[in-house]
Amino acid sequence: MTRADGYKRALEPMDAVLELSRMAQFVGIEDIQTLVYDLEHTAPMSAECALARAFLSWRKQLEQLPRASKRDRE
């Protein structure tokens, strides 16, 4: 496998979404809220602030979804 093959695989949209969703569960909502608060006071119009806000919103939505492992046990 070449280096380019690795990049092509990483660009698969569904794979990327699944990996991001899995990794996002390890980031605490409180930590993201603190980051958003800090960015809103230091760089409110930055791309990083907008991304942090979007990530916080998405992370909160992930909390509302049933987890696959819970569904499998029922």
C-alpha atoms as a PDB file:
ATOM      1  CA  MET A   1       0.000   0.000   0.000  1.00  0.00           C
ATOM      2  CA  THR A   2       1.347   3.404  -0.933  1.00  0.00           C
ATOM      3  CA  ARG A   3       1.023   6.581   1.070  1.00  0.00           C
ATOM      4  CA  ALA A   4      -1.608   7.841  -1.406  1.00  0.00           C
ATOM      5  CA  ASP A   5      -3.716   4.723  -0.776  1.00  0.00           C
ATOM      6  CA  GLY A   6      -3.848   5.571   2.914  1.00  0.00           C
ATOM      7  CA  TYR A   7      -5.072   9.068   2.138  1.00  0.00           C
ATOM      8  CA  LYS A   8      -7.740   7.776  -0.230  1.00  0.00           C
ATOM      9  CA  ARG A   9      -9.066   5.449   2.462  1.00  0.00           C
ATOM     10  CA  ALA A  10      -9.171   8.279   4.993  1.00  0.00           C
ATOM     11  CA  LEU A  11     -11.317  10.321   2.641  1.00  0.00           C
ATOM     12  CA  GLU A  12     -14.223   7.881   2.627  1.00  0.00           C
ATOM     13  CA  PRO A  13     -17.035  10.031   4.068  1.00  0.00           C
ATOM     14  CA  MET A  14     -18.806   7.347   6.084  1.00  0.00           C
ATOM     15  CA  ASP A  15     -15.556   6.010   7.534  1.00  0.00           C
ATOM     16  CA  ALA A  16     -14.607   9.523   8.585  1.00  0.00           C
ATOM     17  CA  VAL A  17     -17.988  10.144  10.216  1.00  0.00           C
ATOM     18  CA  LEU A  18     -17.886   6.869  12.118  1.00  0.00           C
ATOM     19  CA  GLU A  19     -14.346   7.479  13.335  1.00  0.00           C
ATOM     20  CA  LEU A  20     -15.136  11.044  14.409  1.00  0.00           C
ATOM     21  CA  SER A  21     -18.254   9.891  16.246  1.00  0.00           C
ATOM     22  CA  ARG A  22     -16.308   7.180  18.045  1.00  0.00           C
ATOM     23  CA  MET A  23     -13.501   9.538  19.059  1.00  0.00           C
ATOM     24  CA  ALA A  24     -15.869  12.366  20.046  1.00  0.00           C
ATOM     25  CA  GLN A  25     -17.334  10.217  22.794  1.00  0.00           C
ATOM     26  CA  PHE A  26     -13.982  10.378  24.593  1.00  0.00           C
ATOM     27  CA  VAL A  27     -14.054  14.186  24.771  1.00  0.00           C
ATOM     28  CA  GLY A  28     -16.017  15.482  27.743  1.00  0.00           C
ATOM     29  CA  ILE A  29     -18.750  18.005  27.092  1.00  0.00           C
ATOM     30  CA  GLU A  30     -17.468  20.151  29.963  1.00  0.00           C
ATOM     31  CA  ASP A  31     -14.045  20.338  28.313  1.00  0.00           C
ATOM     32  CA  ILE A  32     -15.563  21.473  25.029  1.00  0.00           C
ATOM     33  CA  GLN A  33     -17.760  24.020  26.811  1.00  0.00           C
ATOM     34  CA  THR A  34     -14.677  25.469  28.490  1.00  0.00           C
ATOM     35  CA  LEU A  35     -12.887  25.663  25.159  1.00  0.00           C
ATOM     36  CA  VAL A  36     -15.862  27.409  23.523  1.00  0.00           C
ATOM     37  CA  TYR A  37     -16.108  29.872  26.416  1.00  0.00           C
ATOM     38  CA  ASP A  38     -12.399  30.686  26.172  1.00  0.00           C
ATOM     39  CA  LEU A  39     -12.510  31.104  22.402  1.00  0.00           C
ATOM     40  CA  GLU A  40     -15.614  33.278  22.552  1.00  0.00           C
ATOM     41  CA  HIS A  41     -13.709  35.674  24.783  1.00  0.00           C
ATOM     42  CA  THR A  42     -10.378  35.608  22.969  1.00  0.00           C
ATOM     43  CA  ALA A  43     -11.241  35.007  19.312  1.00  0.00           C
ATOM     44  CA  PRO A  44     -15.023  35.055  18.801  1.00  0.00           C
ATOM     45  CA  MET A  45     -14.846  35.451  15.028  1.00  0.00           C
ATOM     46  CA  SER A  46     -12.173  32.816  14.437  1.00  0.00           C
ATOM     47  CA  ALA A  47     -12.642  29.633  12.481  1.00  0.00           C
ATOM     48  CA  GLU A  48     -11.532  27.696  15.558  1.00  0.00           C
ATOM     49  CA  CYS A  49     -14.318  29.231  17.639  1.00  0.00           C
ATOM     50  CA  ALA A  50     -16.919  28.386  14.996  1.00  0.00           C
ATOM     51  CA  LEU A  51     -15.602  24.830  14.783  1.00  0.00           C
ATOM     52  CA  ALA A  52     -15.594  24.438  18.571  1.00  0.00           C
ATOM     53  CA  ARG A  53     -19.214  25.656  18.742  1.00  0.00           C
ATOM     54  CA  ALA A  54     -20.257  23.223  16.018  1.00  0.00           C
ATOM     55  CA  PHE A  55     -18.395  20.375  17.706  1.00  0.00           C
ATOM     56  CA  LEU A  56     -20.075  21.146  21.033  1.00  0.00           C
ATOM     57  CA  SER A  57     -23.493  21.089  19.424  1.00  0.00           C
ATOM     58  CA  TRP A  58     -22.740  17.829  17.643  1.00  0.00           C
ATOM     59  CA  ARG A  59     -21.254  16.277  20.803  1.00  0.00           C
ATOM     60  CA  LYS A  60     -24.428  17.123  22.740  1.00  0.00           C
ATOM     61  CA  GLN A  61     -26.504  15.474  20.021  1.00  0.00           C
ATOM     62  CA  LEU A  62     -24.364  12.335  20.263  1.00  0.00           C
ATOM     63  CA  GLU A  63     -25.293  12.092  23.946  1.00  0.00           C
ATOM     64  CA  GLN A  64     -28.971  11.902  22.978  1.00  0.00           C
ATOM     65  CA  LEU A  65     -28.509   8.981  20.594  1.00  0.00           C
ATOM     66  CA  PRO A  66     -28.810   5.418  21.829  1.00  0.00           C
ATOM     67  CA  ARG A  67     -25.462   3.652  21.743  1.00  0.00           C
ATOM     68  CA  ALA A  68     -25.142   0.489  19.652  1.00  0.00           C
ATOM     69  CA  SER A  69     -23.877  -1.498  22.622  1.00  0.00           C
ATOM     70  CA  LYS A  70     -27.002  -0.632  24.637  1.00  0.00           C
ATOM     71  CA  ARG A  71     -29.251  -1.692  21.788  1.00  0.00           C
ATOM     72  CA  ASP A  72     -27.400  -4.981  21.369  1.00  0.00           C
ATOM     73  CA  ARG A  73     -27.941  -5.895  25.048  1.00  0.00           C
ATOM     74  CA  GLU A  74     -31.705  -5.295  24.920  1.00  0.00           C
END
